Protein backbone atom coordinates (compact mmCIF):
# COMPACT_ATOMS: atom_id res chain seq x y z
CA MET A 1 -13.01 36.27 -40.68
CA SER A 2 -13.08 38.23 -43.96
CA VAL A 3 -13.46 36.52 -47.27
CA LEU A 4 -10.08 37.87 -48.33
CA PHE A 5 -8.44 36.07 -45.38
CA HIS A 6 -10.25 32.86 -46.35
CA SER A 7 -8.97 33.13 -49.85
CA LEU A 8 -5.37 33.78 -48.87
CA LEU A 9 -5.42 31.02 -46.26
CA LEU A 10 -6.86 28.39 -48.56
CA ASP A 11 -5.11 29.64 -51.71
CA HIS A 12 -8.44 30.00 -53.54
CA ARG A 13 -9.20 32.13 -56.54
CA VAL A 14 -10.99 35.45 -55.78
CA SER A 15 -13.85 36.30 -58.11
CA PRO A 16 -13.64 39.27 -60.49
CA SER A 17 -16.55 40.92 -58.67
CA PHE A 18 -14.51 41.02 -55.50
CA THR A 19 -11.54 42.58 -57.34
CA ARG A 20 -13.69 45.36 -58.81
CA SER A 21 -15.39 46.03 -55.49
CA HIS A 22 -12.10 46.19 -53.68
CA LYS A 23 -10.63 48.71 -56.16
CA LYS A 24 -13.70 50.88 -56.16
CA TYR A 25 -14.36 50.76 -52.41
CA PRO A 26 -11.01 50.12 -50.72
CA GLN A 27 -12.45 50.98 -47.35
CA HIS A 28 -14.53 47.77 -47.43
CA PHE A 29 -12.93 44.43 -46.77
CA SER A 30 -15.68 41.95 -47.45
CA VAL A 31 -17.85 40.73 -50.31
CA GLN A 32 -20.93 38.65 -50.59
CA ARG A 33 -20.16 36.50 -53.62
CA CYS A 34 -16.98 34.51 -54.18
CA ASP A 35 -16.13 31.45 -56.22
CA PHE A 36 -14.68 29.19 -53.55
CA LYS A 37 -13.63 25.69 -54.35
CA THR A 38 -14.91 22.91 -52.18
CA PRO A 39 -12.50 21.54 -49.53
CA ARG A 40 -12.28 18.15 -51.25
CA LYS A 41 -11.36 19.78 -54.60
CA ALA A 42 -8.93 22.10 -52.87
CA VAL A 43 -7.12 19.13 -51.35
CA SER A 44 -6.83 17.40 -54.69
CA GLU A 45 -5.53 20.50 -56.52
CA ASN A 46 -3.53 22.34 -53.89
CA GLY A 47 -2.21 19.32 -51.99
CA TYR A 48 -1.55 18.96 -48.31
CA ALA A 49 -0.93 22.67 -47.70
CA ALA A 50 -4.54 23.52 -48.47
CA ALA A 51 -5.75 20.60 -46.36
CA PHE A 52 -3.69 21.79 -43.42
CA ALA A 53 -5.00 25.34 -43.86
CA PHE A 54 -8.56 24.06 -43.83
CA PHE A 55 -7.87 22.03 -40.67
CA LEU A 56 -6.36 25.12 -39.04
CA PHE A 57 -9.44 27.13 -39.92
CA VAL A 58 -11.69 24.55 -38.24
CA CYS A 59 -9.51 24.52 -35.12
CA LEU A 60 -9.56 28.31 -34.85
CA ASN A 61 -13.34 28.38 -35.05
CA ALA A 62 -13.62 25.59 -32.47
CA THR A 63 -11.28 27.45 -30.13
CA PHE A 64 -13.31 30.62 -30.56
CA PHE A 65 -16.50 28.72 -29.73
CA LEU A 66 -15.05 27.11 -26.59
CA THR A 67 -13.52 30.39 -25.42
CA SER A 68 -16.84 32.15 -25.84
CA PHE A 69 -18.59 29.36 -23.91
CA SER A 70 -16.11 29.36 -21.02
CA ALA A 71 -16.22 33.14 -20.85
CA GLN A 72 -19.85 32.83 -19.82
CA ALA A 73 -18.92 30.92 -16.62
CA ARG A 74 -19.47 33.00 -13.50
CA THR A 75 -18.13 33.03 -9.96
CA TRP A 76 -20.66 33.03 -7.12
CA LYS A 77 -19.98 33.84 -3.48
CA ILE A 78 -21.90 31.94 -0.83
CA SER A 79 -22.18 33.00 2.81
CA PRO A 80 -23.77 31.21 5.79
CA THR A 81 -26.84 33.44 5.52
CA GLN A 82 -27.65 32.14 2.04
CA ASN A 83 -29.47 28.98 1.02
CA PHE A 84 -26.61 26.65 0.03
CA LYS A 85 -28.74 24.15 -1.84
CA ARG A 86 -30.49 26.84 -3.87
CA ALA A 87 -27.18 28.41 -4.83
CA VAL A 88 -25.95 25.09 -6.21
CA GLU A 89 -29.19 24.58 -8.13
CA GLN A 90 -29.10 28.06 -9.68
CA ALA A 91 -25.46 27.88 -10.76
CA LEU A 92 -24.84 27.19 -14.44
CA PRO A 93 -22.45 24.54 -15.79
CA TYR A 94 -18.76 25.36 -15.22
CA ASP A 95 -19.55 28.10 -12.69
CA THR A 96 -17.37 28.50 -9.60
CA LEU A 97 -18.84 28.75 -6.11
CA LEU A 98 -16.66 30.43 -3.48
CA ILE A 99 -17.91 29.34 -0.07
CA HIS A 100 -17.08 31.74 2.75
CA LYS A 101 -16.01 30.56 6.17
CA GLY A 102 -18.86 29.64 8.49
CA LEU A 103 -21.27 26.88 9.45
CA TYR A 104 -23.66 25.41 6.87
CA ARG A 105 -26.21 22.86 8.08
CA ILE A 106 -26.95 20.93 4.93
CA ASN A 107 -27.43 17.39 3.65
CA ASN A 108 -28.11 15.55 0.43
CA ILE A 109 -26.84 18.21 -1.97
CA ILE A 110 -27.00 16.84 -5.54
CA ILE A 111 -24.34 18.16 -7.92
CA ASP A 112 -25.55 17.18 -11.39
CA LYS A 113 -23.57 19.61 -13.58
CA PRO A 114 -19.91 20.61 -13.93
CA LEU A 115 -19.10 22.94 -11.05
CA THR A 116 -16.14 24.07 -8.98
CA LEU A 117 -16.76 24.47 -5.23
CA ILE A 118 -13.93 26.11 -3.31
CA GLY A 119 -13.98 26.74 0.41
CA GLN A 120 -12.30 29.75 1.97
CA ASN A 121 -10.70 28.95 5.35
CA PHE A 122 -12.49 25.59 5.55
CA PRO A 123 -16.20 26.40 5.88
CA VAL A 124 -17.99 23.68 7.87
CA LEU A 125 -20.65 21.61 6.13
CA ASP A 126 -22.63 19.86 8.87
CA GLY A 127 -24.73 16.88 7.81
CA GLN A 128 -26.42 16.75 11.25
CA PHE A 129 -26.23 12.90 11.16
CA LYS A 130 -29.27 12.85 8.85
CA ASN A 131 -27.94 11.89 5.43
CA GLU A 132 -24.88 12.23 3.23
CA ILE A 133 -23.67 15.70 2.28
CA PHE A 134 -22.58 15.79 -1.40
CA THR A 135 -23.69 13.40 -4.15
CA ILE A 136 -21.93 14.05 -7.45
CA THR A 137 -23.47 12.69 -10.65
CA ALA A 138 -21.77 14.97 -13.20
CA ASN A 139 -18.39 15.10 -14.90
CA ASP A 140 -15.75 17.79 -14.36
CA VAL A 141 -16.61 18.65 -10.76
CA THR A 142 -14.04 20.03 -8.30
CA ILE A 143 -14.51 20.01 -4.51
CA GLN A 144 -11.74 21.80 -2.65
CA GLY A 145 -11.00 23.26 0.77
CA LEU A 146 -14.19 22.23 2.62
CA HIS A 147 -14.74 20.73 6.06
CA PHE A 148 -17.35 17.94 6.17
CA GLU A 149 -18.71 16.52 9.41
CA ASN A 150 -21.53 14.52 10.99
CA VAL A 151 -22.66 12.27 8.14
CA GLY A 152 -25.58 9.97 8.91
CA MET A 153 -25.18 6.24 9.47
CA THR A 154 -27.31 3.46 8.07
CA SER A 155 -26.91 -0.25 7.45
CA MET A 156 -28.84 -0.09 4.16
CA ILE A 157 -27.06 2.72 2.25
CA ASP A 158 -23.40 3.69 2.25
CA TRP A 159 -23.78 7.36 3.15
CA ALA A 160 -20.65 9.43 2.63
CA ALA A 161 -19.42 12.97 3.04
CA ILE A 162 -18.63 13.05 -0.69
CA LYS A 163 -20.11 10.41 -3.00
CA VAL A 164 -19.27 10.25 -6.71
CA LEU A 165 -21.57 8.19 -8.93
CA GLU A 166 -20.80 7.24 -12.53
CA SER A 167 -18.76 10.36 -13.22
CA ARG A 168 -15.47 11.30 -14.83
CA HIS A 169 -12.76 13.84 -14.12
CA VAL A 170 -13.91 14.64 -10.59
CA ARG A 171 -11.30 16.29 -8.36
CA ILE A 172 -11.55 16.09 -4.57
CA ILE A 173 -8.67 18.10 -3.18
CA GLY A 174 -7.61 19.39 0.23
CA ASN A 175 -10.79 18.69 2.20
CA ARG A 176 -11.31 17.61 5.81
CA VAL A 177 -13.80 14.93 6.84
CA ARG A 178 -14.81 14.21 10.45
CA ASN A 179 -17.41 11.89 12.01
CA SER A 180 -18.40 10.40 8.70
CA TYR A 181 -19.80 6.92 8.04
CA PHE A 182 -17.93 6.77 4.74
CA GLY A 183 -15.53 9.58 3.97
CA ILE A 184 -14.97 9.78 0.19
CA TYR A 185 -16.87 7.26 -1.92
CA LEU A 186 -16.33 6.63 -5.65
CA SER A 187 -18.64 4.31 -7.56
CA ALA A 188 -18.38 3.35 -11.26
CA SER A 189 -16.25 6.41 -11.98
CA ASP A 190 -12.98 6.94 -13.79
CA HIS A 191 -10.15 9.44 -14.21
CA CYS A 192 -10.84 10.97 -10.80
CA LEU A 193 -8.36 12.53 -8.36
CA VAL A 194 -8.51 12.25 -4.55
CA GLN A 195 -5.66 14.32 -3.20
CA GLU A 196 -4.45 15.85 0.09
CA ASN A 197 -7.61 15.12 2.07
CA ASP A 198 -7.67 14.49 5.82
CA VAL A 199 -10.29 11.87 6.71
CA ARG A 200 -10.76 10.92 10.37
CA GLY A 201 -13.36 8.99 12.30
CA ASN A 202 -13.69 7.94 15.92
CA PRO A 203 -15.90 4.85 16.08
CA LYS A 204 -15.52 2.22 18.78
CA GLU A 205 -16.84 -0.75 16.79
CA GLU A 206 -16.25 -1.95 13.23
CA GLN A 207 -19.95 -2.13 12.33
CA ASN A 208 -20.45 1.54 13.21
CA THR A 209 -18.27 2.94 10.46
CA GLY A 210 -17.46 2.58 6.79
CA ASN A 211 -14.21 3.18 4.93
CA GLY A 212 -12.20 6.36 4.77
CA ILE A 213 -11.64 6.33 1.00
CA HIS A 214 -13.80 3.80 -0.82
CA ALA A 215 -13.74 2.97 -4.54
CA TRP A 216 -15.89 0.42 -6.34
CA LYS A 217 -15.72 -0.49 -10.03
CA CYS A 218 -13.48 2.43 -10.97
CA ASP A 219 -10.69 2.87 -13.49
CA SER A 220 -7.72 5.19 -13.80
CA ILE A 221 -8.12 7.03 -10.51
CA ARG A 222 -5.38 8.60 -8.39
CA VAL A 223 -5.40 8.58 -4.59
CA GLU A 224 -2.43 10.49 -3.27
CA ASN A 225 -1.16 12.45 -0.26
CA ASN A 226 -4.20 11.70 1.91
CA ARG A 227 -4.31 11.03 5.65
CA VAL A 228 -6.88 8.48 6.82
CA ALA A 229 -7.55 7.27 10.37
CA GLY A 230 -10.30 5.82 12.55
CA HIS A 231 -12.35 3.98 9.94
CA ARG A 232 -13.10 0.31 9.25
CA ASP A 233 -10.63 0.26 6.34
CA GLY A 234 -8.54 3.30 5.64
CA ILE A 235 -8.52 2.78 1.86
CA TYR A 236 -10.76 0.17 0.24
CA PHE A 237 -10.77 -0.87 -3.43
CA GLU A 238 -12.97 -3.40 -5.17
CA PHE A 239 -12.94 -3.93 -8.96
CA VAL A 240 -10.60 -0.97 -9.40
CA THR A 241 -8.11 -1.09 -12.26
CA ASN A 242 -5.22 0.91 -13.74
CA SER A 243 -4.99 3.24 -10.75
CA ILE A 244 -2.23 4.83 -8.67
CA ILE A 245 -2.22 5.00 -4.87
CA GLN A 246 0.77 6.90 -3.54
CA ARG A 247 2.11 8.90 -0.58
CA ASN A 248 -0.90 8.25 1.66
CA PHE A 249 -0.71 7.83 5.43
CA SER A 250 -3.25 5.33 6.75
CA HIS A 251 -3.11 4.58 10.48
CA GLN A 252 -5.12 3.45 13.48
CA ASN A 253 -7.99 2.02 11.46
CA ILE A 254 -10.14 -0.69 13.04
CA ARG A 255 -9.42 -3.34 10.43
CA TYR A 256 -7.10 -2.68 7.47
CA GLY A 257 -5.08 0.37 6.55
CA LEU A 258 -5.44 -0.75 2.92
CA HIS A 259 -7.79 -3.45 1.66
CA PHE A 260 -8.43 -4.30 -1.97
CA MET A 261 -9.95 -7.20 -3.88
CA PHE A 262 -10.30 -8.00 -7.59
CA SER A 263 -8.35 -4.84 -8.38
CA HIS A 264 -5.82 -5.54 -11.13
CA LYS A 265 -2.95 -3.55 -12.60
CA ASN A 266 -2.72 -0.98 -9.81
CA GLY A 267 0.39 0.62 -8.35
CA TYR A 268 1.02 1.44 -4.68
CA PHE A 269 4.01 3.69 -3.97
CA TYR A 270 5.46 5.51 -0.94
CA ASN A 271 2.50 4.85 1.34
CA THR A 272 2.71 4.32 5.12
CA PHE A 273 0.38 1.89 6.92
CA ARG A 274 0.84 2.06 10.68
CA GLN A 275 -0.92 0.66 13.75
CA ASN A 276 -3.93 -0.74 11.93
CA GLY A 277 -5.99 -3.52 13.50
CA ALA A 278 -5.11 -6.11 10.87
CA GLY A 279 -2.53 -4.31 8.72
CA VAL A 280 -2.97 -4.47 4.93
CA ALA A 281 -4.90 -7.10 2.93
CA VAL A 282 -4.58 -7.81 -0.79
CA MET A 283 -6.93 -10.48 -2.17
CA TYR A 284 -7.85 -12.12 -5.48
CA THR A 285 -5.78 -9.74 -7.57
CA LYS A 286 -3.08 -9.92 -10.23
CA PHE A 287 -0.46 -7.56 -11.62
CA VAL A 288 0.03 -5.62 -8.39
CA THR A 289 3.04 -3.34 -7.98
CA MET A 290 3.95 -2.26 -4.43
CA LYS A 291 7.14 -0.25 -4.01
CA HIS A 292 8.66 2.00 -1.34
CA ASN A 293 5.82 1.46 1.14
CA ILE A 294 6.17 1.19 4.94
CA PHE A 295 4.20 -1.41 6.90
CA GLU A 296 4.84 -0.99 10.60
CA GLN A 297 3.53 -1.59 14.12
CA ASN A 298 0.59 -3.76 13.08
CA TRP A 299 0.25 -6.06 16.11
CA GLY A 300 -2.39 -8.60 17.03
CA GLY A 301 -3.41 -12.24 16.84
CA ALA A 302 -4.67 -11.75 13.27
CA ALA A 303 -2.56 -8.76 12.20
CA TYR A 304 -0.17 -8.63 9.27
CA GLY A 305 2.07 -6.07 7.74
CA LEU A 306 0.84 -7.40 4.39
CA LEU A 307 -1.64 -10.22 3.80
CA LEU A 308 -1.51 -11.69 0.28
CA LYS A 309 -4.27 -14.12 -0.66
CA ASP A 310 -4.56 -15.53 -4.17
CA ILE A 311 -2.20 -12.96 -5.69
CA SER A 312 -0.31 -13.59 -8.92
CA ASP A 313 2.16 -11.90 -11.27
CA SER A 314 2.97 -9.11 -8.83
CA HIS A 315 6.03 -7.18 -7.66
CA ILE A 316 6.64 -6.39 -3.98
CA GLU A 317 9.86 -4.40 -3.98
CA GLN A 318 11.82 -1.95 -1.82
CA ASN A 319 9.27 -1.92 1.00
CA THR A 320 9.92 -1.84 4.76
CA PHE A 321 8.19 -4.27 7.13
CA ASN A 322 8.95 -3.13 10.64
CA ILE A 323 7.62 -4.39 14.00
CA ASN A 324 4.63 -6.41 12.75
CA THR A 325 3.23 -9.68 14.11
CA ILE A 326 3.74 -11.09 10.60
CA GLY A 327 5.58 -9.05 7.99
CA VAL A 328 4.17 -10.84 4.93
CA TYR A 329 1.61 -13.64 4.97
CA MET A 330 1.29 -15.53 1.66
CA GLU A 331 -1.56 -17.85 0.76
CA GLY A 332 -2.23 -19.06 -2.75
CA CYS A 333 0.34 -16.70 -4.29
CA SER A 334 1.99 -17.44 -7.63
CA ARG A 335 4.64 -15.91 -9.87
CA SER A 336 5.34 -12.93 -7.64
CA VAL A 337 8.68 -11.28 -6.95
CA PHE A 338 9.83 -10.04 -3.53
CA SER A 339 13.07 -8.12 -3.80
CA HIS A 340 15.05 -5.43 -1.96
CA ASN A 341 12.65 -5.36 0.99
CA GLN A 342 13.58 -4.72 4.63
CA PHE A 343 12.19 -7.13 7.25
CA ILE A 344 13.04 -5.71 10.67
CA LYS A 345 11.94 -6.81 14.16
CA ASN A 346 8.85 -8.74 13.10
CA GLY A 347 7.44 -11.80 14.85
CA TYR A 348 7.45 -13.66 11.53
CA ALA A 349 9.16 -11.90 8.65
CA ILE A 350 7.46 -14.12 6.06
CA ARG A 351 4.91 -16.86 6.54
CA VAL A 352 4.41 -18.96 3.40
CA GLN A 353 1.58 -21.46 3.01
CA ALA A 354 2.19 -24.67 1.09
CA ASN A 355 -0.21 -23.68 -1.72
CA CYS A 356 2.17 -20.94 -2.92
CA ASP A 357 4.32 -21.65 -5.96
CA ASP A 358 6.81 -20.12 -8.38
CA ASN A 359 7.56 -17.06 -6.24
CA THR A 360 10.94 -15.37 -6.01
CA LEU A 361 12.59 -14.07 -2.84
CA VAL A 362 15.84 -12.27 -3.64
CA TYR A 363 18.03 -9.44 -2.31
CA ASN A 364 16.05 -8.82 0.89
CA ASN A 365 17.38 -7.95 4.34
CA PHE A 366 16.22 -9.92 7.40
CA LYS A 367 17.20 -8.31 10.71
CA GLY A 368 16.03 -8.96 14.25
CA ASN A 369 13.01 -11.10 13.39
CA THR A 370 11.91 -13.84 15.78
CA PHE A 371 11.31 -16.14 12.80
CA ASP A 372 12.64 -15.24 9.38
CA VAL A 373 10.49 -17.70 7.40
CA ALA A 374 7.82 -20.20 8.42
CA THR A 375 5.74 -22.62 6.37
CA ASN A 376 3.18 -25.35 6.96
CA GLY A 377 4.42 -27.64 4.18
CA ASN A 378 7.39 -29.85 3.46
CA VAL A 379 7.71 -28.77 -0.16
CA VAL A 380 7.98 -25.04 -0.89
CA LEU A 381 8.26 -24.06 -4.56
CA THR A 382 9.90 -20.69 -4.01
CA LYS A 383 13.23 -19.44 -5.30
CA VAL A 384 15.34 -18.02 -2.45
CA ALA A 385 18.69 -16.41 -3.24
CA HIS A 386 21.06 -13.53 -2.40
CA ASN A 387 19.29 -12.42 0.77
CA TYR A 388 20.94 -11.13 3.92
CA TRP A 389 20.09 -13.08 7.10
CA ASP A 390 21.36 -11.79 10.40
CA LYS A 391 21.14 -15.34 11.80
CA TYR A 392 23.54 -16.70 9.19
CA GLU A 393 26.70 -18.10 10.77
CA GLY A 394 28.49 -19.29 7.66
CA TYR A 395 31.78 -18.13 6.18
CA ASP A 396 33.11 -16.55 2.99
CA LEU A 397 36.56 -17.94 2.17
CA ASN A 398 36.88 -16.35 -1.26
CA ARG A 399 35.66 -12.95 0.01
CA ASP A 400 33.14 -12.39 -2.75
CA GLY A 401 30.48 -11.22 -0.30
CA ILE A 402 28.44 -14.43 -0.67
CA GLY A 403 28.37 -17.18 1.95
CA ASP A 404 29.99 -20.47 0.99
CA VAL A 405 27.39 -22.64 2.73
CA PRO A 406 23.60 -22.44 2.28
CA PHE A 407 21.29 -20.93 4.90
CA ARG A 408 18.02 -22.53 5.94
CA PRO A 409 15.67 -19.73 7.11
CA VAL A 410 12.97 -22.13 8.35
CA SER A 411 14.06 -23.23 11.83
CA LEU A 412 13.05 -26.49 13.46
CA TYR A 413 11.22 -24.61 16.18
CA ALA A 414 9.20 -22.67 13.57
CA SER A 415 8.17 -25.98 11.99
CA VAL A 416 7.11 -27.34 15.38
CA ILE A 417 4.97 -24.28 16.09
CA GLU A 418 3.19 -24.69 12.75
CA ARG A 419 2.10 -28.14 13.93
CA ILE A 420 1.74 -27.43 17.65
CA PRO A 421 0.94 -23.73 18.29
CA GLN A 422 1.11 -24.26 22.07
CA ALA A 423 4.86 -24.81 21.70
CA MET A 424 5.22 -21.03 21.53
CA MET A 425 5.47 -21.19 25.34
CA LEU A 426 9.02 -22.55 24.94
CA LEU A 427 10.22 -19.51 22.99
CA ARG A 428 13.79 -18.47 23.90
CA SER A 429 14.29 -21.49 26.14
CA PHE A 430 17.44 -23.65 26.16
CA THR A 431 15.49 -26.57 24.70
CA VAL A 432 14.56 -24.55 21.60
CA THR A 433 18.14 -23.42 21.10
CA LEU A 434 19.36 -26.99 21.37
CA LEU A 435 16.80 -28.24 18.84
CA ASP A 436 17.75 -25.59 16.30
CA ARG A 437 21.45 -26.44 16.68
CA ILE A 438 20.76 -30.10 16.04
CA GLU A 439 18.63 -29.28 12.97
CA LYS A 440 21.44 -27.22 11.45
CA ILE A 441 23.80 -30.16 11.72
CA ILE A 442 21.35 -32.85 10.60
CA PRO A 443 18.46 -31.29 8.66
CA SER A 444 15.46 -33.58 8.63
CA ILE A 445 12.22 -31.69 9.29
CA THR A 446 12.65 -28.28 7.68
CA PRO A 447 11.70 -28.03 3.98
CA GLU A 448 14.56 -28.97 1.68
CA GLY A 449 13.55 -26.49 -1.01
CA MET A 450 13.45 -23.51 1.33
CA LYS A 451 17.11 -22.56 1.54
CA ASP A 452 19.30 -19.75 0.32
CA GLU A 453 22.24 -21.19 -1.64
CA SER A 454 23.95 -17.81 -1.89
CA PRO A 455 23.32 -15.79 1.31
CA MET A 456 24.86 -12.35 1.47
CA MET A 457 27.48 -11.65 4.14
CA LYS A 458 26.52 -7.99 4.57
CA PRO A 459 23.18 -6.13 4.49
CA ILE A 460 22.06 -5.09 1.03
CA VAL A 461 22.06 -1.34 0.50
CA TYR A 462 19.77 0.27 -2.02
CA ARG A 463 18.71 3.81 -2.70
CA LYS A 464 15.12 4.94 -2.72
CA LYS A 465 14.17 7.00 -5.73
């Protein structure tokens, strides 16, 4: 910038020497000596306008510096005939590496500087079952459009196709992972994005595989629009906070489609968890928000649509639990709200243990479930109101849409099974029907607190946003 521009911008006085030089040599637009005021004095005499002008000057110079720095970034093209590891080592910070289609037999590539790696037509990075493929230890790294396969397996180290260690602002977008011990692994990282990746494994035993997307001790990450199948747990979180998990499809995993522990203040939206060995497990966590998710076709002796253990202050709303052994299993849950959910064709829609308290069950639909609610205690401290029960046989004389007599969702037969599991053999027999009829007339065994005083006469309709 010229001195004249400085003077006009900051409203400073130009020295007499500059005035004489400018008149004598009009073709020149700079001087060497000027009587500038200091910024502090300029603020005091010229007010906020001069201060703002000085701030603008600093910003312009900073922008010029950053633009000059980014302009130095280069784009490198890598082909299968080149040494992949050497190309990564020679690249400078913020360079872009375009990886051409082909087969690259590599492992244990360390990315320790900001780089962007973009695959063209999904080049194949083959780990040859020897080690992991990428280990990222730098901030501002982008991995996009690559095909990872054949990651090594070990019981001592969690090898992964892509591992991120203590980094920030890492973006893993649109990659494919096959035959990997762990797929995408984040450790002690924050503000990372895992988006539109397809992670698939094909192990036969739980101990022979890790998790599809694994995060440990992370904050403010986003996991969205991924497809995960064939791993121990599709998505696994531990000590993860303030994160968003949305629009993922996790299916046919050996254990859980989603499993997280000690992970507070996270949101789970519009995900689908289907045909997983044990469904979804949420443990030792508070302030969980789960909305618009689908839990379906999770069958087995120890399978749940959603397992909640020691959960508090959470919201489970507008989800669909369809064709599960148990839709929701609650143990040690407190101060949580279940509202506007659909429970359809489950073995047990909800199974509540006696150590749950101060939960709210309102405005849910129960259709075609073998047992709507079951519990192992006589006292259940849960508020139940305004739900639709397809087994309700009451009446509505004033036509306000609410039944005039309460509904008890815990049947006598369900209570018997909690005490004598072998009684399941009598399911759908005449004896069971007779027992339930008698219990409705003379309630004596089912929990007194577990009843809906205002059951809805018609299914509750809500719109998904």
